[in-house]
Amino acid sequence: MPRLLAIDYGIKRTGIAITDEMQLIASGLTTIPSETAIAFLADYFSKEKVEKVIVGKPMQMNGQPSESTEIIEKFVVLFQSRFPKMPVVRADERFTSKMAFQTMIDSGLSKKQRQNKALVDEIAATILLQGYMAGNY
């Protein structure tokens, strides 16, 4: 069975999470510089079967698009032009970064480790993917 892949796209960094082949467990894969995302994904897709990609949709608390929406929308358009046969699902990512940070605290990571923004992005992508798998989107 192909995997599911989640993308927490940001201005500087992009967190990526992936499921196992049975689509039972979501795990953080990596965090990459955002400008390398398309090349990274092309390489990954050439090695692994991916059924669907979940991309975070940034929203404000009132449900309106956030200030980073335009940047992410441009990425989604570029992604779809580069990978036209790959289904893309958009998922609300309002609380993923806060939940990622809380997960780091709950896991007992030190203050220095919690300042690792790349790890926050990877965990946020994992939370996004877990939410999708649980049927929250």
N, C-alpha and C. Protein backbone atom coordinates (compact mmCIF):
# COMPACT_ATOMS: atom_id res chain seq x y z
N MET A 1 0.86 -1.18 0.00
CA MET A 1 0.00 0.00 0.00
C MET A 1 0.90 1.24 0.00
N PRO A 2 0.59 2.22 -0.80
CA PRO A 2 1.40 3.45 -0.81
C PRO A 2 1.24 4.25 0.49
N ARG A 3 2.20 5.09 0.73
CA ARG A 3 2.23 5.91 1.93
C ARG A 3 1.41 7.18 1.76
N LEU A 4 1.11 7.83 2.88
CA LEU A 4 0.58 9.19 2.90
C LEU A 4 1.73 10.09 3.33
N LEU A 5 1.79 11.29 2.81
CA LEU A 5 2.85 12.23 3.15
C LEU A 5 2.23 13.57 3.51
N ALA A 6 2.70 14.18 4.58
CA ALA A 6 2.19 15.49 5.00
C ALA A 6 3.30 16.52 4.90
N ILE A 7 2.91 17.73 4.52
CA ILE A 7 3.85 18.83 4.34
C ILE A 7 3.39 20.02 5.18
N ASP A 8 4.26 20.45 6.08
CA ASP A 8 4.04 21.68 6.84
C ASP A 8 4.97 22.71 6.22
N TYR A 9 4.47 23.37 5.16
CA TYR A 9 5.29 24.30 4.38
C TYR A 9 5.41 25.64 5.08
N GLY A 10 6.62 26.14 5.15
CA GLY A 10 6.86 27.44 5.76
C GLY A 10 7.75 28.31 4.89
N ILE A 11 7.90 29.54 5.27
CA ILE A 11 8.70 30.48 4.49
C ILE A 11 10.15 30.00 4.40
N LYS A 12 10.71 29.56 5.52
CA LYS A 12 12.11 29.13 5.56
C LYS A 12 12.28 27.62 5.54
N ARG A 13 11.47 26.93 6.34
CA ARG A 13 11.61 25.49 6.52
C ARG A 13 10.30 24.78 6.22
N THR A 14 10.44 23.52 5.80
CA THR A 14 9.28 22.69 5.54
C THR A 14 9.44 21.37 6.27
N GLY A 15 8.48 21.07 7.13
CA GLY A 15 8.46 19.80 7.83
C GLY A 15 7.72 18.77 7.01
N ILE A 16 8.25 17.55 7.00
CA ILE A 16 7.64 16.48 6.22
C ILE A 16 7.46 15.26 7.12
N ALA A 17 6.27 14.68 7.04
CA ALA A 17 5.96 13.46 7.78
C ALA A 17 5.41 12.43 6.80
N ILE A 18 5.53 11.17 7.18
CA ILE A 18 5.16 10.08 6.29
C ILE A 18 4.53 8.96 7.10
N THR A 19 3.66 8.19 6.47
CA THR A 19 3.13 7.00 7.13
C THR A 19 3.99 5.80 6.76
N ASP A 20 3.78 4.73 7.50
CA ASP A 20 4.34 3.44 7.10
C ASP A 20 3.54 2.95 5.90
N GLU A 21 3.96 1.85 5.31
CA GLU A 21 3.28 1.36 4.11
C GLU A 21 1.86 0.87 4.36
N MET A 22 1.55 0.53 5.60
CA MET A 22 0.18 0.11 5.94
C MET A 22 -0.71 1.30 6.31
N GLN A 23 -0.14 2.47 6.33
CA GLN A 23 -0.84 3.72 6.69
C GLN A 23 -1.44 3.65 8.09
N LEU A 24 -0.66 3.08 9.00
CA LEU A 24 -1.11 2.97 10.39
C LEU A 24 -0.41 3.96 11.30
N ILE A 25 0.86 4.25 11.02
CA ILE A 25 1.67 5.08 11.90
C ILE A 25 2.24 6.26 11.13
N ALA A 26 2.08 7.46 11.70
CA ALA A 26 2.67 8.67 11.12
C ALA A 26 3.96 8.97 11.86
N SER A 27 5.00 9.26 11.11
CA SER A 27 6.31 9.58 11.70
C SER A 27 6.91 10.78 10.98
N GLY A 28 7.65 11.57 11.74
CA GLY A 28 8.38 12.65 11.12
C GLY A 28 9.45 12.10 10.20
N LEU A 29 9.58 12.68 9.03
CA LEU A 29 10.61 12.24 8.08
C LEU A 29 11.82 13.17 8.16
N THR A 30 11.57 14.47 7.98
CA THR A 30 12.67 15.42 7.97
C THR A 30 12.13 16.84 7.95
N THR A 31 13.03 17.79 8.10
CA THR A 31 12.74 19.19 7.84
C THR A 31 13.79 19.66 6.83
N ILE A 32 13.33 20.35 5.81
CA ILE A 32 14.22 20.79 4.74
C ILE A 32 14.05 22.28 4.50
N PRO A 33 15.03 22.93 3.87
CA PRO A 33 14.82 24.32 3.45
C PRO A 33 13.67 24.36 2.44
N SER A 34 12.77 25.29 2.59
CA SER A 34 11.58 25.34 1.74
C SER A 34 11.90 25.45 0.26
N GLU A 35 12.98 26.14 -0.07
CA GLU A 35 13.31 26.30 -1.49
C GLU A 35 13.73 24.98 -2.14
N THR A 36 14.01 23.95 -1.34
CA THR A 36 14.40 22.65 -1.89
C THR A 36 13.25 21.64 -1.88
N ALA A 37 12.06 22.07 -1.48
CA ALA A 37 10.95 21.13 -1.27
C ALA A 37 10.57 20.35 -2.53
N ILE A 38 10.43 21.01 -3.65
CA ILE A 38 10.02 20.31 -4.87
C ILE A 38 11.07 19.29 -5.29
N ALA A 39 12.33 19.66 -5.25
CA ALA A 39 13.40 18.72 -5.61
C ALA A 39 13.45 17.55 -4.64
N PHE A 40 13.30 17.83 -3.35
CA PHE A 40 13.29 16.76 -2.35
C PHE A 40 12.14 15.79 -2.62
N LEU A 41 10.95 16.34 -2.86
CA LEU A 41 9.78 15.50 -3.09
C LEU A 41 9.92 14.69 -4.38
N ALA A 42 10.47 15.27 -5.43
CA ALA A 42 10.68 14.53 -6.68
C ALA A 42 11.58 13.33 -6.42
N ASP A 43 12.63 13.54 -5.66
CA ASP A 43 13.54 12.44 -5.33
C ASP A 43 12.82 11.39 -4.47
N TYR A 44 12.08 11.85 -3.48
CA TYR A 44 11.37 10.92 -2.59
C TYR A 44 10.34 10.11 -3.36
N PHE A 45 9.56 10.77 -4.21
CA PHE A 45 8.53 10.07 -4.99
C PHE A 45 9.14 9.06 -5.96
N SER A 46 10.39 9.29 -6.39
CA SER A 46 11.05 8.34 -7.29
C SER A 46 11.46 7.06 -6.56
N LYS A 47 11.55 7.14 -5.24
CA LYS A 47 12.00 5.99 -4.43
C LYS A 47 10.86 5.30 -3.68
N GLU A 48 9.83 6.06 -3.32
CA GLU A 48 8.73 5.54 -2.49
C GLU A 48 7.39 5.81 -3.17
N LYS A 49 6.46 4.88 -2.98
CA LYS A 49 5.11 5.08 -3.49
C LYS A 49 4.33 5.90 -2.48
N VAL A 50 3.75 7.00 -2.95
CA VAL A 50 2.95 7.87 -2.11
C VAL A 50 1.57 7.99 -2.76
N GLU A 51 0.55 7.72 -1.97
CA GLU A 51 -0.83 7.75 -2.47
C GLU A 51 -1.42 9.15 -2.51
N LYS A 52 -1.07 9.95 -1.49
CA LYS A 52 -1.71 11.25 -1.33
C LYS A 52 -0.81 12.14 -0.49
N VAL A 53 -0.90 13.45 -0.75
CA VAL A 53 -0.13 14.43 0.01
C VAL A 53 -1.10 15.35 0.74
N ILE A 54 -0.84 15.55 2.02
CA ILE A 54 -1.64 16.45 2.84
C ILE A 54 -0.80 17.69 3.08
N VAL A 55 -1.33 18.84 2.71
CA VAL A 55 -0.60 20.11 2.87
C VAL A 55 -1.36 20.98 3.86
N GLY A 56 -0.63 21.51 4.82
CA GLY A 56 -1.24 22.37 5.81
C GLY A 56 -1.84 23.62 5.20
N LYS A 57 -2.98 24.01 5.74
CA LYS A 57 -3.68 25.21 5.31
C LYS A 57 -3.73 26.16 6.51
N PRO A 58 -2.91 27.20 6.49
CA PRO A 58 -2.85 28.09 7.65
C PRO A 58 -4.10 28.96 7.76
N MET A 59 -4.67 28.96 8.94
CA MET A 59 -5.89 29.74 9.19
C MET A 59 -5.72 30.54 10.47
N GLN A 60 -6.39 31.67 10.53
CA GLN A 60 -6.45 32.45 11.76
C GLN A 60 -7.55 31.85 12.64
N MET A 61 -7.59 32.27 13.87
CA MET A 61 -8.58 31.74 14.81
C MET A 61 -10.01 31.97 14.34
N ASN A 62 -10.25 33.05 13.58
CA ASN A 62 -11.59 33.35 13.09
C ASN A 62 -11.94 32.59 11.81
N GLY A 63 -11.04 31.71 11.36
CA GLY A 63 -11.29 30.92 10.18
C GLY A 63 -10.85 31.57 8.88
N GLN A 64 -10.34 32.78 8.95
CA GLN A 64 -9.85 33.47 7.77
C GLN A 64 -8.43 33.01 7.45
N PRO A 65 -8.01 33.12 6.19
CA PRO A 65 -6.64 32.74 5.83
C PRO A 65 -5.63 33.58 6.61
N SER A 66 -4.50 32.97 6.95
CA SER A 66 -3.45 33.69 7.67
C SER A 66 -2.55 34.44 6.69
N GLU A 67 -1.60 35.18 7.24
CA GLU A 67 -0.70 35.98 6.40
C GLU A 67 0.21 35.11 5.55
N SER A 68 0.44 33.86 5.93
CA SER A 68 1.32 32.99 5.14
C SER A 68 0.56 32.20 4.07
N THR A 69 -0.74 32.39 3.99
CA THR A 69 -1.55 31.63 3.04
C THR A 69 -1.07 31.81 1.60
N GLU A 70 -0.75 33.02 1.21
CA GLU A 70 -0.34 33.30 -0.17
C GLU A 70 0.91 32.50 -0.56
N ILE A 71 1.87 32.43 0.35
CA ILE A 71 3.11 31.69 0.08
C ILE A 71 2.82 30.20 -0.08
N ILE A 72 1.97 29.67 0.78
CA ILE A 72 1.65 28.25 0.72
C ILE A 72 0.82 27.93 -0.51
N GLU A 73 -0.09 28.82 -0.87
CA GLU A 73 -0.89 28.61 -2.08
C GLU A 73 0.01 28.55 -3.32
N LYS A 74 1.01 29.41 -3.38
CA LYS A 74 1.96 29.38 -4.51
C LYS A 74 2.69 28.04 -4.54
N PHE A 75 3.08 27.53 -3.36
CA PHE A 75 3.74 26.24 -3.30
C PHE A 75 2.81 25.14 -3.81
N VAL A 76 1.54 25.17 -3.40
CA VAL A 76 0.58 24.14 -3.81
C VAL A 76 0.40 24.16 -5.33
N VAL A 77 0.31 25.34 -5.92
CA VAL A 77 0.18 25.46 -7.38
C VAL A 77 1.42 24.88 -8.07
N LEU A 78 2.60 25.22 -7.55
CA LEU A 78 3.85 24.68 -8.11
C LEU A 78 3.89 23.17 -7.95
N PHE A 79 3.51 22.68 -6.77
CA PHE A 79 3.49 21.24 -6.51
C PHE A 79 2.57 20.53 -7.51
N GLN A 80 1.36 21.06 -7.69
CA GLN A 80 0.40 20.42 -8.58
C GLN A 80 0.83 20.47 -10.04
N SER A 81 1.57 21.52 -10.42
CA SER A 81 2.06 21.56 -11.80
C SER A 81 3.21 20.57 -12.00
N ARG A 82 4.00 20.36 -10.97
CA ARG A 82 5.14 19.42 -11.04
C ARG A 82 4.69 17.97 -10.89
N PHE A 83 3.66 17.74 -10.07
CA PHE A 83 3.16 16.39 -9.79
C PHE A 83 1.65 16.34 -10.03
N PRO A 84 1.22 16.50 -11.29
CA PRO A 84 -0.22 16.65 -11.58
C PRO A 84 -1.08 15.44 -11.21
N LYS A 85 -0.51 14.26 -11.10
CA LYS A 85 -1.31 13.07 -10.79
C LYS A 85 -1.37 12.77 -9.29
N MET A 86 -0.64 13.54 -8.49
CA MET A 86 -0.61 13.31 -7.05
C MET A 86 -1.77 14.04 -6.38
N PRO A 87 -2.69 13.32 -5.76
CA PRO A 87 -3.79 13.98 -5.05
C PRO A 87 -3.27 14.81 -3.88
N VAL A 88 -3.83 16.01 -3.71
CA VAL A 88 -3.45 16.90 -2.62
C VAL A 88 -4.70 17.20 -1.79
N VAL A 89 -4.57 17.04 -0.49
CA VAL A 89 -5.62 17.38 0.45
C VAL A 89 -5.11 18.52 1.31
N ARG A 90 -5.93 19.54 1.49
CA ARG A 90 -5.55 20.66 2.37
C ARG A 90 -6.16 20.42 3.75
N ALA A 91 -5.38 20.68 4.79
CA ALA A 91 -5.84 20.45 6.15
C ALA A 91 -5.48 21.64 7.04
N ASP A 92 -6.42 22.03 7.86
CA ASP A 92 -6.24 23.14 8.79
C ASP A 92 -5.05 22.85 9.71
N GLU A 93 -4.11 23.77 9.75
CA GLU A 93 -2.90 23.56 10.56
C GLU A 93 -2.82 24.56 11.71
N ARG A 94 -3.94 25.13 12.10
CA ARG A 94 -3.94 26.18 13.11
C ARG A 94 -3.17 25.86 14.38
N PHE A 95 -3.32 24.68 14.89
CA PHE A 95 -2.73 24.38 16.20
C PHE A 95 -1.54 23.43 16.14
N THR A 96 -1.10 23.06 14.94
CA THR A 96 -0.06 22.04 14.86
C THR A 96 1.25 22.47 15.48
N SER A 97 1.67 23.72 15.29
CA SER A 97 2.94 24.16 15.87
C SER A 97 2.87 24.22 17.39
N LYS A 98 1.75 24.70 17.92
CA LYS A 98 1.58 24.73 19.38
C LYS A 98 1.54 23.32 19.94
N MET A 99 0.84 22.43 19.25
CA MET A 99 0.79 21.04 19.70
C MET A 99 2.16 20.39 19.60
N ALA A 100 2.91 20.72 18.57
CA ALA A 100 4.27 20.17 18.41
C ALA A 100 5.15 20.61 19.58
N PHE A 101 5.08 21.88 19.93
CA PHE A 101 5.87 22.39 21.04
C PHE A 101 5.47 21.70 22.34
N GLN A 102 4.17 21.53 22.56
CA GLN A 102 3.70 20.85 23.77
C GLN A 102 4.15 19.40 23.79
N THR A 103 4.15 18.77 22.64
CA THR A 103 4.63 17.39 22.53
C THR A 103 6.10 17.30 22.94
N MET A 104 6.87 18.30 22.54
CA MET A 104 8.29 18.33 22.90
C MET A 104 8.45 18.46 24.42
N ILE A 105 7.63 19.29 25.03
CA ILE A 105 7.67 19.45 26.49
C ILE A 105 7.27 18.14 27.16
N ASP A 106 6.16 17.57 26.69
CA ASP A 106 5.66 16.33 27.28
C ASP A 106 6.65 15.18 27.11
N SER A 107 7.47 15.24 26.08
CA SER A 107 8.45 14.19 25.83
C SER A 107 9.71 14.36 26.67
N GLY A 108 9.77 15.46 27.41
CA GLY A 108 10.91 15.68 28.28
C GLY A 108 12.13 16.28 27.59
N LEU A 109 11.93 16.87 26.42
CA LEU A 109 13.06 17.51 25.74
C LEU A 109 13.50 18.74 26.51
N SER A 110 14.79 18.98 26.50
CA SER A 110 15.34 20.14 27.21
C SER A 110 14.93 21.43 26.51
N LYS A 111 15.09 22.53 27.22
CA LYS A 111 14.75 23.83 26.65
C LYS A 111 15.55 24.08 25.37
N LYS A 112 16.83 23.71 25.37
CA LYS A 112 17.66 23.87 24.18
C LYS A 112 17.12 23.05 23.00
N GLN A 113 16.71 21.81 23.27
CA GLN A 113 16.15 20.96 22.22
C GLN A 113 14.82 21.53 21.70
N ARG A 114 14.03 22.13 22.58
CA ARG A 114 12.74 22.70 22.17
C ARG A 114 12.90 23.94 21.31
N GLN A 115 14.08 24.53 21.31
CA GLN A 115 14.33 25.72 20.48
C GLN A 115 14.68 25.33 19.04
N ASN A 116 14.77 24.06 18.77
CA ASN A 116 15.09 23.56 17.43
C ASN A 116 13.84 23.68 16.56
N LYS A 117 13.75 24.76 15.79
CA LYS A 117 12.56 25.02 14.98
C LYS A 117 12.36 23.96 13.90
N ALA A 118 13.43 23.37 13.43
CA ALA A 118 13.31 22.31 12.43
C ALA A 118 12.56 21.11 13.02
N LEU A 119 12.85 20.79 14.28
CA LEU A 119 12.16 19.68 14.93
C LEU A 119 10.68 20.02 15.14
N VAL A 120 10.40 21.27 15.49
CA VAL A 120 9.00 21.70 15.64
C VAL A 120 8.25 21.51 14.33
N ASP A 121 8.86 21.89 13.20
CA ASP A 121 8.21 21.76 11.90
C ASP A 121 7.95 20.30 11.53
N GLU A 122 8.91 19.44 11.84
CA GLU A 122 8.75 18.01 11.55
C GLU A 122 7.64 17.40 12.40
N ILE A 123 7.60 17.77 13.67
CA ILE A 123 6.54 17.27 14.56
C ILE A 123 5.20 17.83 14.13
N ALA A 124 5.15 19.10 13.71
CA ALA A 124 3.89 19.70 13.25
C ALA A 124 3.36 18.95 12.03
N ALA A 125 4.23 18.58 11.12
CA ALA A 125 3.81 17.79 9.95
C ALA A 125 3.26 16.44 10.38
N THR A 126 3.88 15.85 11.40
CA THR A 126 3.42 14.56 11.91
C THR A 126 2.03 14.70 12.53
N ILE A 127 1.81 15.76 13.28
CA ILE A 127 0.50 16.00 13.89
C ILE A 127 -0.55 16.24 12.80
N LEU A 128 -0.19 16.97 11.78
CA LEU A 128 -1.08 17.21 10.64
C LEU A 128 -1.49 15.86 10.01
N LEU A 129 -0.51 15.00 9.82
CA LEU A 129 -0.77 13.70 9.22
C LEU A 129 -1.61 12.81 10.14
N GLN A 130 -1.33 12.83 11.43
CA GLN A 130 -2.12 12.06 12.37
C GLN A 130 -3.57 12.53 12.38
N GLY A 131 -3.77 13.85 12.31
CA GLY A 131 -5.12 14.39 12.26
C GLY A 131 -5.87 13.92 11.02
N TYR A 132 -5.19 13.92 9.90
CA TYR A 132 -5.80 13.44 8.65
C TYR A 132 -6.17 11.97 8.79
N MET A 133 -5.25 11.17 9.30
CA MET A 133 -5.49 9.74 9.44
C MET A 133 -6.65 9.44 10.39
N ALA A 134 -6.84 10.30 11.38
CA ALA A 134 -7.92 10.13 12.36
C ALA A 134 -9.26 10.63 11.83
N GLY A 135 -9.26 11.18 10.60
CA GLY A 135 -10.49 11.66 10.01
C GLY A 135 -10.92 13.03 10.46
N ASN A 136 -9.96 13.82 10.96
CA ASN A 136 -10.28 15.16 11.44
C ASN A 136 -10.41 16.18 10.32
N TYR A 137 -10.09 15.81 9.08
CA TYR A 137 -10.15 16.77 7.97
C TYR A 137 -11.04 16.26 6.87
